[in-house]
Amino acid sequence: MKPLVSVIVPCYNMEQYLEETLLSVVASDYQPLEVLVIDDGSTDGSQAIARQMALQHPNIQVVSQQNAGVSAARNNGLGCAKGEYILPLDADDRIGATFISHAVEAMEVNPALKVVYCRAEFFGERQGEWRLPPYSPALLARKNMIPATALYHRTDALQAGGYCQEEMYREDWDFWLSLLEQGGEVLRLDETGFFYRIRTGSRRHLTSQQKRLVVDAINRRHPEYMRRYLGGPLHYHRSWSRLLNFFRSEKIIGPIISPPLRGTRRVLHCGRNTLYEQDGLVIKAFAKPGFLKALLYGFFIKSKARRSYENAQRLMENEVYTPDPVAYCEVRVCGFLRESYYVCRKAVGTHTFNELIGHPEFPNRNEILSSIGWYTACMHEIGALHQDYSGGNIMFDEDGFVEVIDLNRIRWRKHIGFEEGCKNFERLNIDREALTVMAESYAAVRHFDPKKCAEYIISHRWWKHIRQGITNL
């Protein structure tokens, strides 16, 4: 008995073309066949047309969902499909009558085949052959040559995780990379069995920004594939990727097998530097340096990522707590530093010092302030001077457990004296009473006069706060 083939047709506002598409499928000479029309929240007559076609052709089924995009619709179809083989088909395209039967025959003869596609033609606002280069796994790392409409095993698609639903503009390319990452053969039939409609609104060309998003997503989701065939990541000038990677080197210190930012991650903060959360870790991606800094960080001074990692280790060795350092990564091209990342565990504290400013009613406020003063003194006792000791870089929990972050600007001293130590509080822009509580706790550890310590801390405010008139005193 022949295997069942499921044709998945995602549809969003395609009433003008849907019937023509479905008729091309039911005209196929292959049986058994099921056709799943996944209506992606259409607001025109698409769903009515699909249901009318289902009444006329029992092998057509209609599945409705809220509008979520083509990838979500295809994944919905994969979940509903009963066929051994899957053929996606957009709701404005067509297939030839013999394509499915020839593709299934090829799959059944060669179990190593993972994907079978065919030659394609444009129709609509443009006619002619869609000239795609022959498939090769190395070329697939740089560009896609497999149309969205190709036959594959449903089990392979599910194991690959289906179609990526994040906004990436080339979900088909990403899907084929996922499907073929572990190997497998690909065959192009020597027949024209797929017809791609060109119309106003067809997603044929991307803007420069969209192309960059595609490249970033491909690198993030398929690092090992890119490394295998390109020697490193895909570059924005894709055809130059292998050559550029010849001059590119990656240095990873710590138990991270792949470079950071390759995989699913969530943006925590986006600014000059970017913070991500990935697999329970926090990754700080430092801004790409300009030419001069790339030269300096590449050959003469430590990168910010390396300084963060080494400073965190040194603090932890002295029992001054900070989120556990895990790794750092440096990427160089011709020796120039181009990218750097610092990886650590998530902080225990969920609050920052800034939340104490202007909130005298904050629970356990004085105890927390006292803990921050004590913590600062412990840093100074081991010679650690945090030169960006500001409210956003001090974290704590409700019990007063304190940690410091953003460690690349710590400088190490043999001795930190009274004036230098007290001046380190200057960016903590809080009220006089709070500064006094911290000063007393700080002085107790460092054996300073608490009154003089408080007076010095209060009188030495950061020049930017003075200039802006927001010293909170």
Protein backbone atom coordinates (compact mmCIF):
# COMPACT_ATOMS: atom_id res chain seq x y z
CA MET A 1 0.00 0.00 0.00
CA LYS A 2 1.30 3.46 -0.88
CA PRO A 3 2.16 5.84 1.97
CA LEU A 4 -0.16 8.74 2.76
CA VAL A 5 1.07 12.19 1.71
CA SER A 6 -0.14 15.28 3.58
CA VAL A 7 -0.14 18.54 1.60
CA ILE A 8 -0.09 21.50 3.99
CA VAL A 9 -1.48 24.75 2.57
CA PRO A 10 -1.11 27.75 4.92
CA CYS A 11 -3.55 30.44 3.88
CA TYR A 12 -3.94 34.08 4.83
CA ASN A 13 -6.28 36.26 2.72
CA MET A 14 -5.78 34.32 -0.52
CA GLU A 15 -9.35 34.12 -1.77
CA GLN A 16 -8.22 35.19 -5.24
CA TYR A 17 -5.88 32.22 -5.68
CA LEU A 18 -6.80 29.48 -3.18
CA GLU A 19 -9.19 27.51 -5.40
CA GLU A 20 -6.65 27.37 -8.23
CA THR A 21 -4.01 26.10 -5.79
CA LEU A 22 -6.26 23.40 -4.34
CA LEU A 23 -7.40 22.25 -7.76
CA SER A 24 -3.77 21.71 -8.76
CA VAL A 25 -3.34 19.45 -5.72
CA VAL A 26 -6.48 17.35 -6.17
CA ALA A 27 -5.51 16.90 -9.85
CA SER A 28 -2.41 15.00 -8.70
CA ASP A 29 -2.14 11.45 -10.00
CA TYR A 30 -1.00 10.28 -6.55
CA GLN A 31 -3.19 8.61 -3.96
CA PRO A 32 -3.66 8.42 -0.95
CA LEU A 33 -3.52 12.16 -0.35
CA GLU A 34 -4.80 14.49 2.37
CA VAL A 35 -4.88 18.26 1.93
CA LEU A 36 -4.76 20.41 5.06
CA VAL A 37 -5.73 24.04 4.53
CA ILE A 38 -4.50 25.95 7.58
CA ASP A 39 -6.47 29.18 7.63
CA ASP A 40 -4.24 31.68 9.43
CA GLY A 41 -6.96 34.04 10.63
CA SER A 42 -8.01 35.23 7.16
CA THR A 43 -10.30 38.26 7.04
CA ASP A 44 -11.45 37.76 3.45
CA GLY A 45 -13.38 34.87 1.90
CA SER A 46 -10.50 32.38 1.99
CA GLN A 47 -11.99 30.17 4.69
CA ALA A 48 -15.37 30.01 2.95
CA ILE A 49 -13.67 28.97 -0.29
CA ALA A 50 -11.64 26.32 1.52
CA ARG A 51 -14.74 24.87 3.19
CA GLN A 52 -16.64 24.84 -0.10
CA MET A 53 -13.74 22.96 -1.70
CA ALA A 54 -13.74 20.52 1.24
CA LEU A 55 -17.40 19.71 0.54
CA GLN A 56 -16.51 18.87 -3.06
CA HIS A 57 -13.31 16.96 -2.27
CA PRO A 58 -13.40 14.74 0.85
CA ASN A 59 -9.60 14.62 1.14
CA ILE A 60 -9.48 18.39 1.84
CA GLN A 61 -9.67 19.45 5.49
CA VAL A 62 -9.80 22.99 6.89
CA VAL A 63 -8.07 23.94 10.13
CA SER A 64 -8.51 27.44 11.55
CA GLN A 65 -6.14 29.36 13.80
CA GLN A 66 -5.61 32.93 14.93
CA ASN A 67 -3.23 34.86 12.72
CA ALA A 68 0.29 33.78 13.69
CA GLY A 69 2.26 33.63 10.45
CA VAL A 70 3.22 31.04 7.88
CA SER A 71 5.63 29.12 10.14
CA ALA A 72 3.01 28.67 12.85
CA ALA A 73 0.49 27.57 10.21
CA ARG A 74 2.88 24.97 8.80
CA ASN A 75 3.68 23.72 12.30
CA ASN A 76 -0.04 23.45 13.01
CA GLY A 77 -0.34 21.42 9.82
CA LEU A 78 2.52 19.14 10.90
CA GLY A 79 0.69 18.51 14.15
CA CYS A 80 -2.55 17.64 12.37
CA ALA A 81 -1.05 15.65 9.50
CA LYS A 82 -1.38 11.87 9.38
CA GLY A 83 0.82 11.33 6.33
CA GLU A 84 4.22 9.72 6.29
CA TYR A 85 5.33 12.41 3.88
CA ILE A 86 4.72 16.17 3.95
CA LEU A 87 4.52 18.61 1.05
CA PRO A 88 4.07 22.31 1.96
CA LEU A 89 2.40 24.49 -0.66
CA ASP A 90 1.63 28.20 -0.37
CA ALA A 91 -1.96 29.18 -1.08
CA ASP A 92 -1.15 31.10 -4.27
CA ASP A 93 1.17 28.53 -5.92
CA ARG A 94 0.54 25.34 -7.92
CA ILE A 95 2.05 21.89 -8.35
CA GLY A 96 2.21 19.60 -11.38
CA ALA A 97 0.10 16.44 -11.62
CA THR A 98 3.03 13.98 -11.43
CA PHE A 99 5.31 15.72 -8.94
CA ILE A 100 4.09 13.97 -5.78
CA SER A 101 4.08 10.48 -7.28
CA HIS A 102 7.61 10.86 -8.65
CA ALA A 103 8.87 12.35 -5.39
CA VAL A 104 7.37 9.54 -3.28
CA GLU A 105 8.78 6.93 -5.66
CA ALA A 106 12.26 8.43 -5.23
CA MET A 107 11.90 8.47 -1.45
CA GLU A 108 10.72 4.87 -1.31
CA VAL A 109 13.62 3.65 -3.47
CA ASN A 110 16.33 5.52 -1.52
CA PRO A 111 15.86 5.58 2.30
CA ALA A 112 18.80 8.01 2.62
CA LEU A 113 16.79 10.75 0.91
CA LYS A 114 15.52 13.45 3.24
CA VAL A 115 14.22 16.00 0.73
CA VAL A 116 12.94 15.73 -2.84
CA TYR A 117 12.10 18.79 -4.91
CA CYS A 118 11.83 19.58 -8.61
CA ARG A 119 12.44 22.28 -11.17
CA ALA A 120 10.26 25.36 -10.81
CA GLU A 121 8.73 28.06 -12.98
CA PHE A 122 7.47 31.55 -12.27
CA PHE A 123 3.98 32.56 -13.33
CA GLY A 124 1.73 35.53 -12.75
CA GLU A 125 3.49 38.90 -13.09
CA ARG A 126 6.66 37.16 -14.27
CA GLN A 127 7.17 34.04 -16.38
CA GLY A 128 10.10 31.75 -16.98
CA GLU A 129 12.20 29.12 -15.23
CA TRP A 130 13.22 29.73 -11.65
CA ARG A 131 16.91 29.00 -12.05
CA LEU A 132 18.23 27.65 -8.79
CA PRO A 133 21.77 26.29 -8.37
CA PRO A 134 22.16 22.54 -7.80
CA TYR A 135 21.97 21.48 -4.17
CA SER A 136 25.12 21.15 -2.13
CA PRO A 137 25.35 21.18 1.68
CA ALA A 138 28.20 23.70 1.54
CA LEU A 139 26.23 26.09 -0.65
CA LEU A 140 23.18 25.71 1.60
CA ALA A 141 25.26 27.34 4.34
CA ARG A 142 25.36 30.55 2.27
CA LYS A 143 22.05 30.55 0.41
CA ASN A 144 18.90 28.55 -0.09
CA MET A 145 18.28 26.65 -3.29
CA ILE A 146 15.43 24.39 -2.14
CA PRO A 147 11.93 25.78 -2.73
CA ALA A 148 9.47 25.74 0.15
CA THR A 149 7.46 23.15 -1.76
CA ALA A 150 9.50 19.95 -1.40
CA LEU A 151 8.66 16.48 -0.07
CA TYR A 152 10.07 15.31 3.26
CA HIS A 153 9.33 12.83 6.07
CA ARG A 154 6.97 14.10 8.75
CA THR A 155 9.06 12.41 11.49
CA ASP A 156 12.20 14.21 10.26
CA ALA A 157 10.40 17.55 10.42
CA LEU A 158 9.17 16.93 13.96
CA GLN A 159 12.62 15.84 15.13
CA ALA A 160 14.06 19.03 13.61
CA GLY A 161 11.60 21.13 15.62
CA GLY A 162 9.42 22.23 12.71
CA TYR A 163 9.56 25.73 11.30
CA CYS A 164 11.10 28.59 13.28
CA GLN A 165 8.36 30.97 14.39
CA GLU A 166 10.54 33.94 15.29
CA GLU A 167 10.62 36.78 12.77
CA MET A 168 13.46 35.84 10.43
CA TYR A 169 12.03 36.27 6.86
CA ARG A 170 13.65 33.10 5.45
CA GLU A 171 11.95 30.37 7.45
CA ASP A 172 12.29 27.88 4.57
CA TRP A 173 16.08 28.17 4.47
CA ASP A 174 16.24 27.82 8.23
CA PHE A 175 13.99 24.73 8.07
CA TRP A 176 16.16 22.97 5.48
CA LEU A 177 19.25 23.65 7.59
CA SER A 178 17.49 22.15 10.62
CA LEU A 179 16.35 19.14 8.62
CA LEU A 180 19.77 18.45 7.07
CA GLU A 181 22.13 19.34 9.92
CA GLN A 182 22.63 15.67 10.76
CA GLY A 183 23.14 14.67 7.13
CA GLY A 184 20.92 13.04 4.54
CA GLU A 185 20.61 13.21 0.79
CA VAL A 186 18.65 15.71 -1.30
CA LEU A 187 17.31 15.08 -4.81
CA ARG A 188 16.03 17.47 -7.46
CA LEU A 189 13.75 15.77 -9.96
CA ASP A 190 14.36 16.66 -13.57
CA GLU A 191 10.80 17.82 -14.14
CA THR A 192 8.99 21.10 -13.71
CA GLY A 193 6.45 20.30 -11.02
CA PHE A 194 6.30 23.48 -8.95
CA PHE A 195 4.91 26.82 -10.10
CA TYR A 196 5.71 29.91 -8.04
CA ARG A 197 3.38 32.86 -8.44
CA ILE A 198 4.97 36.32 -8.70
CA ARG A 199 2.57 39.02 -7.59
CA THR A 200 2.63 42.33 -5.81
CA GLY A 201 3.48 41.55 -2.20
CA SER A 202 5.46 38.38 -2.92
CA ARG A 203 8.36 38.05 -0.49
CA ARG A 204 11.13 37.80 -3.08
CA HIS A 205 13.42 40.62 -1.99
CA LEU A 206 14.49 41.75 1.47
CA THR A 207 15.74 45.08 2.76
CA SER A 208 19.30 45.36 4.04
CA GLN A 209 18.05 45.30 7.64
CA GLN A 210 15.98 42.18 6.97
CA LYS A 211 18.99 40.47 5.39
CA ARG A 212 21.00 41.20 8.51
CA LEU A 213 18.25 39.71 10.67
CA VAL A 214 18.29 36.59 8.51
CA VAL A 215 22.07 36.20 8.83
CA ASP A 216 21.95 36.79 12.59
CA ALA A 217 19.18 34.20 13.01
CA ILE A 218 20.96 31.61 10.84
CA ASN A 219 24.19 32.03 12.84
CA ARG A 220 22.31 31.84 16.13
CA ARG A 221 20.37 28.70 15.21
CA HIS A 222 22.91 26.77 13.14
CA PRO A 223 26.42 27.49 14.45
CA GLU A 224 27.78 23.99 13.93
CA TYR A 225 26.52 23.79 10.34
CA MET A 226 28.15 27.14 9.57
CA ARG A 227 31.38 26.08 11.25
CA ARG A 228 31.44 22.78 9.31
CA TYR A 229 31.00 24.30 5.85
CA LEU A 230 32.18 27.91 6.25
CA GLY A 231 34.80 27.58 8.95
CA GLY A 232 32.86 30.03 11.12
CA PRO A 233 29.71 32.16 11.01
CA LEU A 234 27.85 33.39 7.97
CA HIS A 235 28.78 37.01 7.23
CA TYR A 236 26.56 39.77 5.87
CA HIS A 237 28.57 39.53 2.63
CA ARG A 238 27.64 35.87 2.41
CA SER A 239 29.80 34.87 -0.55
CA TRP A 240 32.88 36.14 1.32
CA SER A 241 32.14 34.12 4.45
CA ARG A 242 34.69 31.34 4.01
CA LEU A 243 37.47 33.77 3.11
CA LEU A 244 36.65 36.08 6.02
CA ASN A 245 36.53 33.12 8.38
CA PHE A 246 40.02 32.12 7.24
CA PHE A 247 41.27 35.26 8.99
CA ARG A 248 38.87 34.90 11.92
CA SER A 249 39.62 33.28 15.27
CA GLU A 250 37.50 32.53 18.30
CA LYS A 251 38.83 32.20 21.83
CA ILE A 252 36.51 30.72 24.44
CA ILE A 253 37.64 30.41 28.05
CA GLY A 254 35.32 28.41 30.28
CA PRO A 255 32.98 25.43 29.88
CA ILE A 256 31.06 26.79 26.86
CA ILE A 257 31.37 24.52 23.81
CA SER A 258 29.78 26.85 21.27
CA PRO A 259 30.22 30.63 21.16
CA PRO A 260 27.58 32.61 23.06
CA LEU A 261 24.47 33.86 21.23
CA ARG A 262 24.21 30.68 19.14
CA GLY A 263 20.82 29.30 20.10
CA THR A 264 17.56 30.52 21.57
CA ARG A 265 18.00 33.57 23.78
CA ARG A 266 15.93 36.36 25.32
CA VAL A 267 16.94 40.00 25.30
CA LEU A 268 17.15 41.44 28.82
CA HIS A 269 18.57 44.84 27.96
CA CYS A 270 19.48 46.52 24.70
CA GLY A 271 21.74 49.55 24.72
CA ARG A 272 25.38 50.26 23.99
CA ASN A 273 25.97 46.73 25.27
CA THR A 274 23.31 44.03 25.10
CA LEU A 275 22.29 41.55 27.79
CA TYR A 276 20.74 38.20 26.91
CA GLU A 277 19.43 35.25 28.88
CA GLN A 278 20.18 31.86 27.35
CA ASP A 279 19.96 28.37 28.89
CA GLY A 280 19.81 29.83 32.40
CA LEU A 281 22.87 32.02 31.84
CA VAL A 282 23.28 35.76 31.35
CA ILE A 283 25.39 36.85 28.37
CA LYS A 284 26.75 40.34 28.02
CA ALA A 285 27.56 41.17 24.40
CA PHE A 286 29.88 44.16 24.41
CA ALA A 287 29.53 46.78 21.68
CA LYS A 288 31.73 46.18 18.65
CA PRO A 289 34.79 48.41 19.02
CA GLY A 290 35.89 50.97 16.46
CA PHE A 291 39.14 50.60 14.56
CA LEU A 292 41.46 52.02 17.22
CA LYS A 293 39.90 50.14 20.12
CA ALA A 294 39.78 46.95 18.03
CA LEU A 295 43.52 47.34 17.55
CA LEU A 296 44.17 48.02 21.24
CA TYR A 297 41.94 45.19 22.51
CA GLY A 298 43.33 42.87 19.86
CA PHE A 299 47.01 43.31 20.62
CA PHE A 300 47.74 45.44 23.68
CA ILE A 301 45.07 45.41 26.41
CA LYS A 302 42.60 42.90 27.80
CA SER A 303 39.09 42.92 26.36
CA LYS A 304 36.17 44.00 28.55
CA ALA A 305 34.86 40.42 28.46
CA ARG A 306 38.14 39.01 29.73
CA ARG A 307 38.43 41.66 32.43
CA SER A 308 34.87 40.90 33.57
CA TYR A 309 35.61 37.18 33.80
CA GLU A 310 38.95 37.53 35.59
CA ASN A 311 37.64 40.19 37.98
CA ALA A 312 34.66 38.00 38.88
CA GLN A 313 36.95 35.06 39.57
CA ARG A 314 39.16 37.18 41.79
CA LEU A 315 36.22 38.57 43.75
CA MET A 316 34.78 35.08 44.30
CA GLU A 317 38.16 33.73 45.41
CA ASN A 318 38.10 36.41 48.13
CA GLU A 319 34.49 35.61 49.10
CA VAL A 320 33.16 38.88 47.70
CA TYR A 321 30.11 37.67 45.85
CA THR A 322 29.13 38.37 42.27
CA PRO A 323 27.14 36.22 39.82
CA ASP A 324 29.27 33.12 39.17
CA PRO A 325 31.55 33.63 36.16
CA VAL A 326 31.15 30.91 33.53
CA ALA A 327 33.11 31.92 30.42
CA TYR A 328 34.20 34.66 28.09
CA CYS A 329 34.55 34.68 24.33
CA GLU A 330 36.65 36.86 22.03
CA VAL A 331 36.34 36.98 18.25
CA ARG A 332 39.22 38.43 16.24
CA VAL A 333 39.68 39.13 12.55
CA CYS A 334 43.31 39.50 11.49
CA GLY A 335 44.07 39.94 15.19
CA PHE A 336 41.67 42.90 15.63
CA LEU A 337 39.00 42.33 18.28
CA ARG A 338 35.56 42.36 16.64
CA GLU A 339 33.26 40.76 19.23
CA SER A 340 33.46 39.85 22.90
CA TYR A 341 31.03 38.21 25.32
CA TYR A 342 30.98 37.60 29.06
CA VAL A 343 28.88 34.72 30.42
CA CYS A 344 27.79 34.33 34.04
CA ARG A 345 25.04 32.82 36.17
CA LYS A 346 21.97 34.88 36.94
CA ALA A 347 22.27 37.14 39.95
CA VAL A 348 20.64 35.99 43.17
CA GLY A 349 19.38 39.50 43.84
CA THR A 350 16.30 40.70 42.00
CA HIS A 351 16.52 44.38 43.05
CA THR A 352 18.98 47.14 42.25
CA PHE A 353 20.17 49.99 44.44
CA ASN A 354 18.15 52.40 42.28
CA GLU A 355 14.97 50.96 43.77
CA LEU A 356 15.99 52.34 47.18
CA ILE A 357 16.29 55.90 45.87
CA GLY A 358 13.26 57.98 46.84
CA HIS A 359 11.62 55.01 48.60
CA PRO A 360 12.22 55.27 52.36
CA GLU A 361 9.37 52.77 52.87
CA PHE A 362 11.25 49.97 51.04
CA PRO A 363 11.13 46.83 53.28
CA ASN A 364 14.28 46.34 55.39
CA ARG A 365 15.79 49.42 53.75
CA ASN A 366 18.27 50.27 56.50
CA GLU A 367 19.43 46.66 56.82
CA ILE A 368 19.97 46.50 53.04
CA LEU A 369 21.85 49.82 53.04
CA SER A 370 24.03 48.57 55.86
CA SER A 371 24.77 45.40 53.88
CA ILE A 372 25.76 47.48 50.85
CA GLY A 373 28.16 49.54 53.00
CA TRP A 374 29.64 46.34 54.44
CA TYR A 375 29.95 44.80 50.94
CA THR A 376 31.73 47.91 49.61
CA ALA A 377 34.18 47.73 52.50
CA CYS A 378 34.90 44.05 51.77
CA MET A 379 35.71 44.95 48.15
CA HIS A 380 38.05 47.72 49.23
CA GLU A 381 39.75 45.52 51.82
CA ILE A 382 40.91 43.17 49.04
CA GLY A 383 41.92 46.10 46.80
CA ALA A 384 38.97 46.05 44.35
CA LEU A 385 37.91 49.54 43.28
CA HIS A 386 34.78 49.47 41.10
CA GLN A 387 35.05 52.54 38.88
CA ASP A 388 31.42 52.34 37.76
CA TYR A 389 29.93 51.83 41.20
CA SER A 390 26.47 53.10 40.36
CA GLY A 391 22.95 52.19 41.39
CA GLY A 392 22.27 49.87 38.47
CA ASN A 393 25.35 47.76 39.18
CA ILE A 394 24.53 46.89 42.81
CA MET A 395 21.99 44.08 43.23
CA PHE A 396 20.41 42.67 46.39
CA ASP A 397 17.61 40.47 47.62
CA GLU A 398 15.08 41.09 50.41
CA ASP A 399 17.39 39.53 53.01
CA GLY A 400 20.21 41.96 52.20
CA PHE A 401 22.41 39.61 50.15
CA VAL A 402 24.46 41.92 47.92
CA GLU A 403 26.21 41.32 44.58
CA VAL A 404 27.95 43.67 42.18
CA ILE A 405 27.85 43.40 38.38
CA ASP A 406 29.43 45.13 35.36
CA LEU A 407 32.91 44.18 36.46
CA ASN A 408 35.12 45.20 33.54
CA ARG A 409 35.94 48.57 35.18
CA ILE A 410 37.24 47.18 38.46
CA ARG A 411 40.79 48.30 39.15
CA TRP A 412 42.99 46.52 41.65
CA ARG A 413 44.99 48.44 44.23
CA LYS A 414 47.53 47.37 46.84
CA HIS A 415 45.70 49.60 49.30
CA ILE A 416 42.55 51.70 49.14
CA GLY A 417 42.70 54.51 51.65
CA PHE A 418 40.07 56.64 53.38
CA GLU A 419 39.55 59.28 50.69
CA GLU A 420 39.62 56.94 47.70
CA GLY A 421 37.34 54.46 49.44
CA CYS A 422 34.75 57.02 50.56
CA LYS A 423 34.79 58.73 47.17
CA ASN A 424 33.76 55.42 45.59
CA PHE A 425 30.21 56.05 46.91
CA GLU A 426 29.87 59.27 44.88
CA ARG A 427 27.56 57.85 42.18
CA LEU A 428 25.06 56.41 44.67
CA ASN A 429 22.62 59.27 44.36
CA ILE A 430 20.49 58.77 47.46
CA ASP A 431 19.36 60.76 50.51
CA ARG A 432 21.60 61.90 53.38
CA GLU A 433 20.19 59.39 55.89
CA ALA A 434 20.83 56.45 53.55
CA LEU A 435 24.40 57.58 52.87
CA THR A 436 24.96 57.85 56.62
CA VAL A 437 23.76 54.26 57.21
CA MET A 438 26.11 52.95 54.51
CA ALA A 439 28.99 55.08 55.76
CA GLU A 440 28.68 53.75 59.32
CA SER A 441 28.67 50.15 58.15
CA TYR A 442 31.58 50.82 55.79
CA ALA A 443 33.62 52.56 58.51
CA ALA A 444 33.08 49.70 61.00
CA VAL A 445 34.75 47.21 58.67
CA ARG A 446 37.57 49.51 57.64
CA HIS A 447 38.21 50.94 61.13
CA PHE A 448 37.54 54.51 60.05
CA ASP A 449 35.82 57.22 62.07
CA PRO A 450 32.12 56.75 61.15
CA LYS A 451 31.28 60.45 61.52
CA LYS A 452 34.14 61.59 59.29
CA CYS A 453 33.35 58.82 56.83
CA ALA A 454 29.71 59.92 56.57
CA GLU A 455 30.68 63.59 56.18
CA TYR A 456 33.15 62.78 53.40
CA ILE A 457 30.71 60.54 51.50
CA ILE A 458 27.91 63.12 51.73
CA SER A 459 30.11 66.05 50.69
CA HIS A 460 31.72 64.31 47.72
CA ARG A 461 28.94 63.89 45.20
CA TRP A 462 29.43 62.95 41.55
CA TRP A 463 29.99 65.99 39.34
CA LYS A 464 27.27 65.00 36.88
CA HIS A 465 24.67 64.85 39.65
CA ILE A 466 25.81 68.24 40.97
CA ARG A 467 25.66 69.79 37.52
CA GLN A 468 22.17 68.41 36.97
CA GLY A 469 21.00 69.47 40.43
CA ILE A 470 19.83 65.98 41.47
CA THR A 471 22.00 65.04 44.45
CA ASN A 472 18.95 63.99 46.55
CA LEU A 473 20.54 65.60 49.63
